[in-house]
C-alpha atoms as a PDB file:
ATOM      1  CA  MET A   1       0.956  17.048 -33.910  1.00  0.00           C
ATOM      2  CA  GLN A   2       4.442  17.869 -35.097  1.00  0.00           C
ATOM      3  CA  GLY A   3       4.333  21.118 -33.128  1.00  0.00           C
ATOM      4  CA  ILE A   4       3.413  19.271 -29.925  1.00  0.00           C
ATOM      5  CA  VAL A   5       6.232  16.747 -30.364  1.00  0.00           C
ATOM      6  CA  SER A   6       8.638  19.616 -31.021  1.00  0.00           C
ATOM      7  CA  ASP A   7       7.519  21.432 -27.861  1.00  0.00           C
ATOM      8  CA  ILE A   8       7.890  18.264 -25.778  1.00  0.00           C
ATOM      9  CA  ALA A   9      11.335  17.492 -27.179  1.00  0.00           C
ATOM     10  CA  ARG A  10      12.545  21.070 -26.659  1.00  0.00           C
ATOM     11  CA  ALA A  11      11.261  21.310 -23.084  1.00  0.00           C
ATOM     12  CA  TYR A  12      12.542  17.852 -22.129  1.00  0.00           C
ATOM     13  CA  TRP A  13      15.980  18.397 -23.656  1.00  0.00           C
ATOM     14  CA  THR A  14      16.241  21.695 -21.797  1.00  0.00           C
ATOM     15  CA  LEU A  15      15.490  19.957 -18.492  1.00  0.00           C
ATOM     16  CA  ILE A  16      17.900  17.099 -19.284  1.00  0.00           C
ATOM     17  CA  LYS A  17      20.750  19.542 -19.959  1.00  0.00           C
ATOM     18  CA  ILE A  18      20.047  21.205 -16.614  1.00  0.00           C
ATOM     19  CA  MET A  19      19.189  18.279 -14.351  1.00  0.00           C
ATOM     20  CA  VAL A  20      21.777  15.668 -15.343  1.00  0.00           C
ATOM     21  CA  PRO A  21      24.865  17.813 -14.605  1.00  0.00           C
ATOM     22  CA  ALA A  22      23.246  19.191 -11.440  1.00  0.00           C
ATOM     23  CA  THR A  23      22.407  15.685 -10.230  1.00  0.00           C
ATOM     24  CA  LEU A  24      25.988  14.526 -10.831  1.00  0.00           C
ATOM     25  CA  VAL A  25      27.315  17.513  -8.886  1.00  0.00           C
ATOM     26  CA  VAL A  26      25.059  16.665  -5.942  1.00  0.00           C
ATOM     27  CA  LYS A  27      26.189  13.018  -5.981  1.00  0.00           C
ATOM     28  CA  LEU A  28      29.857  14.017  -6.063  1.00  0.00           C
ATOM     29  CA  LEU A  29      29.393  16.497  -3.219  1.00  0.00           C
ATOM     30  CA  ASP A  30      27.743  13.808  -1.132  1.00  0.00           C
ATOM     31  CA  THR A  31      30.498  11.312  -1.951  1.00  0.00           C
ATOM     32  CA  LEU A  32      33.135  13.835  -0.866  1.00  0.00           C
ATOM     33  CA  GLY A  33      31.399  14.320   2.492  1.00  0.00           C
ATOM     34  CA  PHE A  34      30.016  17.788   1.848  1.00  0.00           C
ATOM     35  CA  THR A  35      26.553  16.761   3.058  1.00  0.00           C
ATOM     36  CA  GLN A  36      27.893  15.672   6.447  1.00  0.00           C
ATOM     37  CA  TRP A  37      29.881  18.888   6.772  1.00  0.00           C
ATOM     38  CA  LEU A  38      26.836  20.993   5.931  1.00  0.00           C
ATOM     39  CA  GLY A  39      24.757  19.045   8.450  1.00  0.00           C
ATOM     40  CA  VAL A  40      27.257  19.818  11.205  1.00  0.00           C
ATOM     41  CA  ALA A  41      27.331  23.487  10.188  1.00  0.00           C
ATOM     42  CA  LEU A  42      23.519  23.679  10.310  1.00  0.00           C
ATOM     43  CA  GLY A  43      23.328  22.027  13.750  1.00  0.00           C
ATOM     44  CA  PRO A  44      23.579  25.301  15.754  1.00  0.00           C
ATOM     45  CA  VAL A  45      21.110  26.951  13.359  1.00  0.00           C
ATOM     46  CA  VAL A  46      18.360  24.382  13.859  1.00  0.00           C
ATOM     47  CA  GLU A  47      19.014  24.415  17.631  1.00  0.00           C
ATOM     48  CA  LEU A  48      18.005  28.101  17.628  1.00  0.00           C
ATOM     49  CA  LEU A  49      14.716  26.964  16.077  1.00  0.00           C
ATOM     50  CA  GLY A  50      14.036  24.547  18.937  1.00  0.00           C
ATOM     51  CA  LEU A  51      15.244  21.418  17.128  1.00  0.00           C
ATOM     52  CA  PRO A  52      17.952  18.923  18.124  1.00  0.00           C
ATOM     53  CA  SER A  53      21.234  19.678  16.381  1.00  0.00           C
ATOM     54  CA  GLU A  54      21.295  16.295  14.622  1.00  0.00           C
ATOM     55  CA  LEU A  55      18.318  17.372  12.520  1.00  0.00           C
ATOM     56  CA  GLY A  56      20.664  19.805  10.804  1.00  0.00           C
ATOM     57  CA  LEU A  57      21.831  16.791   8.787  1.00  0.00           C
ATOM     58  CA  VAL A  58      18.248  16.106   7.666  1.00  0.00           C
ATOM     59  CA  TRP A  59      17.898  19.639   6.327  1.00  0.00           C
ATOM     60  CA  ALA A  60      21.343  19.482   4.707  1.00  0.00           C
ATOM     61  CA  VAL A  61      20.454  16.246   2.894  1.00  0.00           C
ATOM     62  CA  THR A  62      17.119  17.714   1.815  1.00  0.00           C
ATOM     63  CA  MET A  63      18.643  20.939   0.502  1.00  0.00           C
ATOM     64  CA  LEU A  64      21.217  19.090  -1.576  1.00  0.00           C
ATOM     65  CA  THR A  65      19.048  16.212  -2.789  1.00  0.00           C
ATOM     66  CA  ASN A  66      15.275  15.995  -2.272  1.00  0.00           C
ATOM     67  CA  ILE A  67      12.550  15.486   0.311  1.00  0.00           C
ATOM     68  CA  TYR A  68      12.527  11.697  -0.072  1.00  0.00           C
ATOM     69  CA  THR A  69      16.223  11.451   0.804  1.00  0.00           C
ATOM     70  CA  GLY A  70      15.725  13.871   3.678  1.00  0.00           C
ATOM     71  CA  MET A  71      12.923  11.679   4.994  1.00  0.00           C
ATOM     72  CA  ALA A  72      15.195   8.638   4.843  1.00  0.00           C
ATOM     73  CA  ALA A  73      17.843  10.525   6.825  1.00  0.00           C
ATOM     74  CA  PHE A  74      15.202  11.551   9.373  1.00  0.00           C
ATOM     75  CA  TYR A  75      14.017   7.959   9.745  1.00  0.00           C
ATOM     76  CA  THR A  76      17.565   6.807  10.510  1.00  0.00           C
ATOM     77  CA  LEU A  77      18.082   9.555  13.087  1.00  0.00           C
ATOM     78  CA  SER A  78      14.651   9.192  14.692  1.00  0.00           C
ATOM     79  CA  VAL A  79      15.167   5.611  15.903  1.00  0.00           C
ATOM     80  CA  GLY A  80      14.826   5.736  19.691  1.00  0.00           C
ATOM     81  CA  GLN A  81      14.053   9.483  19.621  1.00  0.00           C
ATOM     82  CA  GLU A  82      10.805  11.306  20.345  1.00  0.00           C
ATOM     83  CA  TYR A  83       9.860  14.589  18.690  1.00  0.00           C
ATOM     84  CA  THR A  84       6.816  16.798  19.152  1.00  0.00           C
ATOM     85  CA  VAL A  85       4.407  17.736  16.383  1.00  0.00           C
ATOM     86  CA  ALA A  86       5.691  21.305  16.710  1.00  0.00           C
ATOM     87  CA  GLN A  87       9.290  20.195  16.073  1.00  0.00           C
ATOM     88  CA  ILE A  88       8.350  18.088  13.054  1.00  0.00           C
ATOM     89  CA  SER A  89       6.266  20.952  11.677  1.00  0.00           C
ATOM     90  CA  ILE A  90       9.220  23.341  11.999  1.00  0.00           C
ATOM     91  CA  LEU A  91      11.539  20.826  10.338  1.00  0.00           C
ATOM     92  CA  GLY A  92       8.867  20.265   7.679  1.00  0.00           C
ATOM     93  CA  LEU A  93       8.777  23.975   6.817  1.00  0.00           C
ATOM     94  CA  LEU A  94      12.554  23.977   6.348  1.00  0.00           C
ATOM     95  CA  MET A  95      12.366  20.900   4.114  1.00  0.00           C
ATOM     96  CA  LEU A  96       9.397  22.097   2.059  1.00  0.00           C
ATOM     97  CA  VAL A  97      10.711  25.566   1.330  1.00  0.00           C
ATOM     98  CA  ALA A  98      14.409  24.745   0.852  1.00  0.00           C
ATOM     99  CA  HIS A  99      14.989  21.418  -0.887  1.00  0.00           C
ATOM    100  CA  SER A 100      16.661  20.212  -4.113  1.00  0.00           C
ATOM    101  CA  LEU A 101      18.376  23.597  -4.310  1.00  0.00           C
ATOM    102  CA  VAL A 102      21.087  22.537  -6.749  1.00  0.00           C
ATOM    103  CA  ILE A 103      18.744  20.977  -9.311  1.00  0.00           C
ATOM    104  CA  GLU A 104      15.813  23.355  -8.894  1.00  0.00           C
ATOM    105  CA  GLY A 105      18.172  26.321  -8.726  1.00  0.00           C
ATOM    106  CA  ALA A 106      19.633  25.246 -12.071  1.00  0.00           C
ATOM    107  CA  VAL A 107      16.133  24.907 -13.526  1.00  0.00           C
ATOM    108  CA  ALA A 108      15.207  28.361 -12.233  1.00  0.00           C
ATOM    109  CA  LYS A 109      18.412  29.807 -13.713  1.00  0.00           C
ATOM    110  CA  ALA A 110      17.381  28.506 -17.141  1.00  0.00           C
ATOM    111  CA  THR A 111      14.354  30.820 -16.929  1.00  0.00           C
ATOM    112  CA  GLY A 112      16.653  33.766 -16.117  1.00  0.00           C
ATOM    113  CA  VAL A 113      16.392  33.832 -12.321  1.00  0.00           C
ATOM    114  CA  ARG A 114      19.765  34.237 -10.655  1.00  0.00           C
ATOM    115  CA  TRP A 115      21.196  31.590  -8.365  1.00  0.00           C
ATOM    116  CA  ARG A 116      21.718  34.007  -5.501  1.00  0.00           C
ATOM    117  CA  LEU A 117      18.096  35.156  -5.655  1.00  0.00           C
ATOM    118  CA  THR A 118      16.820  31.565  -5.637  1.00  0.00           C
ATOM    119  CA  LEU A 119      19.002  30.622  -2.669  1.00  0.00           C
ATOM    120  CA  ALA A 120      18.264  33.824  -0.749  1.00  0.00           C
ATOM    121  CA  ILE A 121      14.497  33.530  -1.114  1.00  0.00           C
ATOM    122  CA  ARG A 122      14.217  29.825  -0.405  1.00  0.00           C
ATOM    123  CA  ILE A 123      16.742  29.472   2.427  1.00  0.00           C
ATOM    124  CA  GLY A 124      15.808  32.845   3.918  1.00  0.00           C
ATOM    125  CA  SER A 125      12.083  32.108   3.729  1.00  0.00           C
ATOM    126  CA  GLY A 126      12.563  28.662   5.241  1.00  0.00           C
ATOM    127  CA  LEU A 127      14.469  30.085   8.180  1.00  0.00           C
ATOM    128  CA  PHE A 128      11.997  32.944   8.661  1.00  0.00           C
ATOM    129  CA  LEU A 129       8.946  30.663   8.611  1.00  0.00           C
ATOM    130  CA  ALA A 130      10.590  28.121  10.914  1.00  0.00           C
ATOM    131  CA  ALA A 131      11.612  30.852  13.367  1.00  0.00           C
ATOM    132  CA  LEU A 132       8.145  32.433  13.274  1.00  0.00           C
ATOM    133  CA  PHE A 133       6.300  29.205  14.018  1.00  0.00           C
ATOM    134  CA  SER A 134       8.910  28.144  16.566  1.00  0.00           C
ATOM    135  CA  GLN A 135       8.144  31.281  18.540  1.00  0.00           C
ATOM    136  CA  LEU A 136       4.381  30.836  18.157  1.00  0.00           C
ATOM    137  CA  PHE A 137       4.470  27.204  19.271  1.00  0.00           C
ATOM    138  CA  SER A 138       6.717  28.001  22.228  1.00  0.00           C
ATOM    139  CA  TYR A 139       4.799  31.083  23.394  1.00  0.00           C
ATOM    140  CA  PHE A 140       1.324  29.508  23.190  1.00  0.00           C
ATOM    141  CA  GLY A 141       2.387  25.943  24.026  1.00  0.00           C
ATOM    142  CA  LEU A 142       0.951  24.564  20.787  1.00  0.00           C
ATOM    143  CA  LEU A 143       1.460  21.110  19.228  1.00  0.00           C
ATOM    144  CA  GLN A 144       3.561  19.757  22.079  1.00  0.00           C
ATOM    145  CA  GLN A 145       2.154  16.228  21.797  1.00  0.00           C
ATOM    146  CA  PRO A 146       4.480  13.485  20.475  1.00  0.00           C
ATOM    147  CA  ALA A 147       4.613  13.191  16.694  1.00  0.00           C
ATOM    148  CA  GLU A 148       3.685   9.889  15.076  1.00  0.00           C
ATOM    149  CA  LEU A 149       5.921   8.693  12.240  1.00  0.00           C
ATOM    150  CA  LEU A 150       3.740   7.007   9.584  1.00  0.00           C
ATOM    151  CA  TRP A 151       6.445   6.122   7.065  1.00  0.00           C
ATOM    152  CA  GLN A 152       9.618   4.123   6.654  1.00  0.00           C
ATOM    153  CA  PRO A 153      11.951   4.090   3.656  1.00  0.00           C
ATOM    154  CA  GLN A 154      12.140   1.311   1.109  1.00  0.00           C
ATOM    155  CA  ALA A 155      15.447  -0.437   0.646  1.00  0.00           C
ATOM    156  CA  SER A 156      17.428   0.934  -2.318  1.00  0.00           C
ATOM    157  CA  GLU A 157      20.276  -0.449  -4.372  1.00  0.00           C
ATOM    158  CA  PRO A 158      23.627   0.657  -2.912  1.00  0.00           C
ATOM    159  CA  GLY A 159      26.444   2.278  -4.881  1.00  0.00           C
ATOM    160  CA  TRP A 160      26.626   4.230  -8.099  1.00  0.00           C
ATOM    161  CA  LEU A 161      24.810   1.569 -10.157  1.00  0.00           C
ATOM    162  CA  GLY A 162      21.691   1.650  -7.991  1.00  0.00           C
ATOM    163  CA  TRP A 163      21.815   5.435  -7.915  1.00  0.00           C
ATOM    164  CA  GLY A 164      22.148   5.590 -11.709  1.00  0.00           C
ATOM    165  CA  ILE A 165      19.179   3.269 -12.245  1.00  0.00           C
ATOM    166  CA  ALA A 166      17.054   5.398  -9.915  1.00  0.00           C
ATOM    167  CA  GLN A 167      18.002   8.560 -11.846  1.00  0.00           C
ATOM    168  CA  LEU A 168      17.125   6.970 -15.191  1.00  0.00           C
ATOM    169  CA  ARG A 169      13.715   5.992 -13.833  1.00  0.00           C
ATOM    170  CA  LEU A 170      13.205   9.547 -12.645  1.00  0.00           C
ATOM    171  CA  LEU A 171      14.125  10.998 -16.052  1.00  0.00           C
ATOM    172  CA  ALA A 172      11.736   8.569 -17.750  1.00  0.00           C
ATOM    173  CA  TRP A 173       8.900   9.652 -15.477  1.00  0.00           C
ATOM    174  CA  ILE A 174       9.700  13.297 -16.139  1.00  0.00           C
ATOM    175  CA  LEU A 175       9.340  12.659 -19.886  1.00  0.00           C
ATOM    176  CA  VAL A 176       5.967  10.954 -19.391  1.00  0.00           C
ATOM    177  CA  ILE A 177       4.620  13.694 -17.118  1.00  0.00           C
ATOM    178  CA  LEU A 178       6.019  16.571 -19.174  1.00  0.00           C
ATOM    179  CA  SER A 179       4.553  15.105 -22.381  1.00  0.00           C
ATOM    180  CA  SER A 180       1.175  14.780 -20.700  1.00  0.00           C
ATOM    181  CA  LEU A 181       1.346  18.371 -19.486  1.00  0.00           C
ATOM    182  CA  VAL A 182       2.213  19.795 -22.901  1.00  0.00           C
ATOM    183  CA  VAL A 183      -0.642  17.874 -24.530  1.00  0.00           C
ATOM    184  CA  MET A 184      -3.029  18.900 -21.746  1.00  0.00           C
ATOM    185  CA  MET A 185      -2.079  22.560 -22.121  1.00  0.00           C
ATOM    186  CA  ARG A 186      -2.737  22.400 -25.866  1.00  0.00           C
ATOM    187  CA  ILE A 187      -6.124  20.725 -25.318  1.00  0.00           C
ATOM    188  CA  LEU A 188      -7.137  23.266 -22.672  1.00  0.00           C
ATOM    189  CA  ARG A 189      -6.150  26.088 -25.001  1.00  0.00           C
ATOM    190  CA  TRP A 190      -8.071  24.518 -27.908  1.00  0.00           C
ATOM    191  CA  LEU A 191     -11.213  23.940 -25.806  1.00  0.00           C
ATOM    192  CA  GLY A 192     -11.102  27.434 -24.339  1.00  0.00           C
ATOM    193  CA  VAL A 193     -10.700  26.077 -20.804  1.00  0.00           C
ATOM    194  CA  GLU A 194      -7.447  27.991 -20.476  1.00  0.00           C
ATOM    195  CA  GLN A 195      -9.352  31.283 -20.458  1.00  0.00           C
ATOM    196  CA  VAL A 196     -11.723  29.953 -17.796  1.00  0.00           C
ATOM    197  CA  LEU A 197      -8.778  28.958 -15.589  1.00  0.00           C
ATOM    198  CA  GLN A 198      -7.245  32.376 -16.110  1.00  0.00           C
ATOM    199  CA  GLN A 199     -10.473  33.985 -14.958  1.00  0.00           C
ATOM    200  CA  LEU A 200     -10.682  31.770 -11.875  1.00  0.00           C
ATOM    201  CA  LEU A 201      -7.101  32.552 -10.935  1.00  0.00           C
ATOM    202  CA  SER A 202      -7.294  36.226 -11.841  1.00  0.00           C
ATOM    203  CA  PRO A 203      -7.763  37.410  -8.206  1.00  0.00           C
ATOM    204  CA  LEU A 204      -4.604  35.556  -7.130  1.00  0.00           C
ATOM    205  CA  MET A 205      -2.678  36.702 -10.205  1.00  0.00           C
ATOM    206  CA  ARG A 206      -3.724  40.315  -9.621  1.00  0.00           C
ATOM    207  CA  CYS A 207      -2.699  40.046  -5.984  1.00  0.00           C
ATOM    208  CA  LEU A 208       0.698  38.694  -7.033  1.00  0.00           C
ATOM    209  CA  THR A 209       0.865  41.328  -9.840  1.00  0.00           C
ATOM    210  CA  ILE A 210       1.496  38.517 -12.354  1.00  0.00           C
ATOM    211  CA  GLY A 211      -0.053  38.530 -15.828  1.00  0.00           C
ATOM    212  CA  LYS A 212      -2.881  36.085 -16.561  1.00  0.00           C
ATOM    213  CA  GLU A 213      -0.739  34.390 -19.250  1.00  0.00           C
ATOM    214  CA  ALA A 214       1.167  32.647 -16.443  1.00  0.00           C
ATOM    215  CA  SER A 215      -1.944  31.244 -14.732  1.00  0.00           C
ATOM    216  CA  ASN A 216      -1.818  27.704 -16.140  1.00  0.00           C
ATOM    217  CA  ILE A 217       1.897  27.329 -15.525  1.00  0.00           C
ATOM    218  CA  THR A 218       1.404  28.525 -11.956  1.00  0.00           C
ATOM    219  CA  ILE A 219      -1.238  25.820 -11.444  1.00  0.00           C
ATOM    220  CA  VAL A 220       1.052  23.133 -12.882  1.00  0.00           C
ATOM    221  CA  GLY A 221       3.973  24.204 -10.708  1.00  0.00           C
ATOM    222  CA  MET A 222       1.898  24.480  -7.538  1.00  0.00           C
ATOM    223  CA  LEU A 223       0.341  21.040  -7.982  1.00  0.00           C
ATOM    224  CA  LEU A 224       3.176  19.048  -9.558  1.00  0.00           C
ATOM    225  CA  GLY A 225       6.520  20.732  -8.996  1.00  0.00           C
ATOM    226  CA  LEU A 226       8.946  23.456  -9.978  1.00  0.00           C
ATOM    227  CA  SER A 227      10.739  21.408 -12.651  1.00  0.00           C
ATOM    228  CA  TYR A 228       7.518  20.719 -14.572  1.00  0.00           C
ATOM    229  CA  GLY A 229       6.242  24.270 -14.184  1.00  0.00           C
ATOM    230  CA  ALA A 230       9.602  25.750 -15.152  1.00  0.00           C
ATOM    231  CA  GLY A 231       9.907  23.340 -18.087  1.00  0.00           C
ATOM    232  CA  LEU A 232       6.677  24.762 -19.524  1.00  0.00           C
ATOM    233  CA  LEU A 233       7.651  28.262 -18.468  1.00  0.00           C
ATOM    234  CA  ILE A 234      10.896  28.119 -20.447  1.00  0.00           C
ATOM    235  CA  ASN A 235       8.922  27.373 -23.622  1.00  0.00           C
ATOM    236  CA  GLU A 236       6.493  30.231 -22.955  1.00  0.00           C
ATOM    237  CA  VAL A 237       9.295  32.688 -22.260  1.00  0.00           C
ATOM    238  CA  ARG A 238      11.159  31.759 -25.428  1.00  0.00           C
ATOM    239  CA  SER A 239       7.981  32.121 -27.460  1.00  0.00           C
ATOM    240  CA  GLY A 240       7.425  35.589 -25.993  1.00  0.00           C
ATOM    241  CA  HIS A 241       4.123  34.758 -24.264  1.00  0.00           C
ATOM    242  CA  ILE A 242       5.352  35.687 -20.765  1.00  0.00           C
ATOM    243  CA  ASN A 243       7.554  38.677 -19.968  1.00  0.00           C
ATOM    244  CA  LYS A 244      10.685  38.549 -17.844  1.00  0.00           C
ATOM    245  CA  ARG A 245       9.194  40.264 -14.808  1.00  0.00           C
ATOM    246  CA  ASP A 246       6.311  37.780 -14.601  1.00  0.00           C
ATOM    247  CA  THR A 247       8.769  34.931 -15.110  1.00  0.00           C
ATOM    248  CA  LEU A 248      10.797  36.000 -12.104  1.00  0.00           C
ATOM    249  CA  LEU A 249       7.747  36.361  -9.876  1.00  0.00           C
ATOM    250  CA  VAL A 250       6.284  33.009 -10.971  1.00  0.00           C
ATOM    251  CA  VAL A 251       9.571  31.179 -10.384  1.00  0.00           C
ATOM    252  CA  CYS A 252       9.982  32.775  -6.949  1.00  0.00           C
ATOM    253  CA  PHE A 253       6.377  31.965  -6.041  1.00  0.00           C
ATOM    254  CA  LEU A 254       6.707  28.359  -7.207  1.00  0.00           C
ATOM    255  CA  GLY A 255       9.994  28.055  -5.346  1.00  0.00           C
ATOM    256  CA  LEU A 256       7.997  28.485  -2.140  1.00  0.00           C
ATOM    257  CA  THR A 257       4.757  26.706  -3.043  1.00  0.00           C
ATOM    258  CA  HIS A 258       5.441  24.068  -5.699  1.00  0.00           C
ATOM    259  CA  SER A 259       4.124  20.506  -5.447  1.00  0.00           C
ATOM    260  CA  LEU A 260       1.600  21.460  -2.768  1.00  0.00           C
ATOM    261  CA  ILE A 261      -0.098  18.055  -2.797  1.00  0.00           C
ATOM    262  CA  GLU A 262       2.746  15.516  -2.944  1.00  0.00           C
ATOM    263  CA  ASP A 263       5.330  17.344  -0.838  1.00  0.00           C
ATOM    264  CA  THR A 264       2.778  18.288   1.817  1.00  0.00           C
ATOM    265  CA  LEU A 265       1.601  14.679   2.107  1.00  0.00           C
ATOM    266  CA  LEU A 266       5.198  13.481   2.463  1.00  0.00           C
ATOM    267  CA  ILE A 267       5.876  15.790   5.407  1.00  0.00           C
ATOM    268  CA  LEU A 268       2.546  14.832   6.983  1.00  0.00           C
ATOM    269  CA  LEU A 269       3.829  11.238   7.064  1.00  0.00           C
ATOM    270  CA  LEU A 270       6.588  12.429   9.395  1.00  0.00           C
ATOM    271  CA  GLY A 271       3.958  13.692  11.850  1.00  0.00           C
ATOM    272  CA  ALA A 272       3.734  17.414  10.980  1.00  0.00           C
ATOM    273  CA  ASP A 273       0.719  19.701  11.413  1.00  0.00           C
ATOM    274  CA  LEU A 274      -1.219  20.289   8.151  1.00  0.00           C
ATOM    275  CA  SER A 275      -2.195  23.907   8.795  1.00  0.00           C
ATOM    276  CA  THR A 276       1.398  24.879   9.512  1.00  0.00           C
ATOM    277  CA  ILE A 277       3.092  23.265   6.537  1.00  0.00           C
ATOM    278  CA  LEU A 278       0.352  24.021   3.974  1.00  0.00           C
ATOM    279  CA  TRP A 279      -1.506  27.212   4.850  1.00  0.00           C
ATOM    280  CA  GLY A 280       1.373  28.824   6.707  1.00  0.00           C
ATOM    281  CA  ARG A 281       3.653  28.333   3.703  1.00  0.00           C
ATOM    282  CA  LEU A 282       1.037  29.378   1.140  1.00  0.00           C
ATOM    283  CA  VAL A 283      -0.020  32.567   2.910  1.00  0.00           C
ATOM    284  CA  PHE A 284       3.603  33.582   3.467  1.00  0.00           C
ATOM    285  CA  ALA A 285       4.430  33.019  -0.218  1.00  0.00           C
ATOM    286  CA  ILE A 286       1.478  35.144  -1.362  1.00  0.00           C
ATOM    287  CA  VAL A 287       2.441  37.984   0.975  1.00  0.00           C
ATOM    288  CA  LEU A 288       6.124  37.892  -0.001  1.00  0.00           C
ATOM    289  CA  ILE A 289       5.630  37.703  -3.786  1.00  0.00           C
ATOM    290  CA  THR A 290       2.895  40.342  -3.664  1.00  0.00           C
ATOM    291  CA  ALA A 291       5.302  42.679  -1.880  1.00  0.00           C
ATOM    292  CA  MET A 292       8.078  41.910  -4.379  1.00  0.00           C
ATOM    293  CA  GLY A 293       5.789  42.524  -7.334  1.00  0.00           C
ATOM    294  CA  ARG A 294       4.468  45.829  -6.047  1.00  0.00           C
ATOM    295  CA  ILE A 295       7.949  47.072  -5.196  1.00  0.00           C
ATOM    296  CA  TRP A 296       9.111  46.366  -8.755  1.00  0.00           C
ATOM    297  CA  LEU A 297       6.020  48.038 -10.200  1.00  0.00           C
ATOM    298  CA  LYS A 298       6.959  51.209  -8.326  1.00  0.00           C
ATOM    299  CA  SER A 299      10.645  50.988  -9.272  1.00  0.00           C
ATOM    300  CA  ARG A 300      10.592  52.767 -12.613  1.00  0.00           C
ATOM    301  CA  HIS A 301      14.371  52.910 -12.581  1.00  0.00           C
ATOM    302  CA  CYS A 302      14.516  49.100 -12.764  1.00  0.00           C
ATOM    303  CA  PRO A 303      12.283  48.111 -15.719  1.00  0.00           C
ATOM    304  CA  ASN A 304      14.143  44.850 -16.433  1.00  0.00           C
ATOM    305  CA  PRO A 305      14.687  42.821 -13.233  1.00  0.00           C
ATOM    306  CA  LEU A 306      16.077  39.863 -15.153  1.00  0.00           C
ATOM    307  CA  PRO A 307      19.363  40.833 -16.805  1.00  0.00           C
ATOM    308  CA  ASN A 308      20.795  38.353 -19.274  1.00  0.00           C
ATOM    309  CA  SER A 309      24.116  38.131 -17.486  1.00  0.00           C
ATOM    310  CA  ASP A 310      24.506  36.051 -14.356  1.00  0.00           C
ATOM    311  CA  SER A 311      27.101  35.249 -11.815  1.00  0.00           C
END
């Protein structure tokens, strides 16, 4: 029991040290108007993807904060506007692949994955997927029917006080969920279920060239989110159960596919197409990480892809 409490405290404290400063940075950037500036800068980019330039602000908000805030920004901008399912699906891919980059990038860095790699993979993959499906939808005339918005934001407390209360609630929920995950992982290991899960996931892990030791953490990250998966991953890395190469591949894979259930449902509420935002994203992530893993396996001159130093 003492070991479980110690693992929970260590993992939670690690996330607190990462997330609190990152969250404050995001709030300050938004207060200083950086979000608006980034939205304007992204306007021409999203126009190339077949989206109205004002939706650049939605992606900017999402990248700096989270999907919920991005949805609120979209709701404000969508009043009196009409978008197609194709457009919402393209925007959804951008939001799903590249969101919460400051916080999740800091979490990924704690596992040893460099900031520039996190940003390059997530922003680059979001743009590539959005461009790919934009061309497919345009060429074949797919999903051109009007999208139906099934969600509207709840009123929140204005100012720093309301923001602070919301963050404290979030941190409390993270503690509850992380504690449950650590206990669940111990129980699965004790019951021998962990080995069964590793066997079931072994085809995917072999395809991704990731060791079976990372199977459970991959499941957690895919279903719940990168922060929870990385929180467990940090413990496993420090205990020596998962090597650095597998850590990098798992973090990159989860960066593209984490929280498959919740995040996918959120974007569906905006009127997106399920196959595009779920299967399109998942298949792309498997192909990309498989290619990365096999390239590193062949690169004998680069045995340690995760140097301790960072920039």
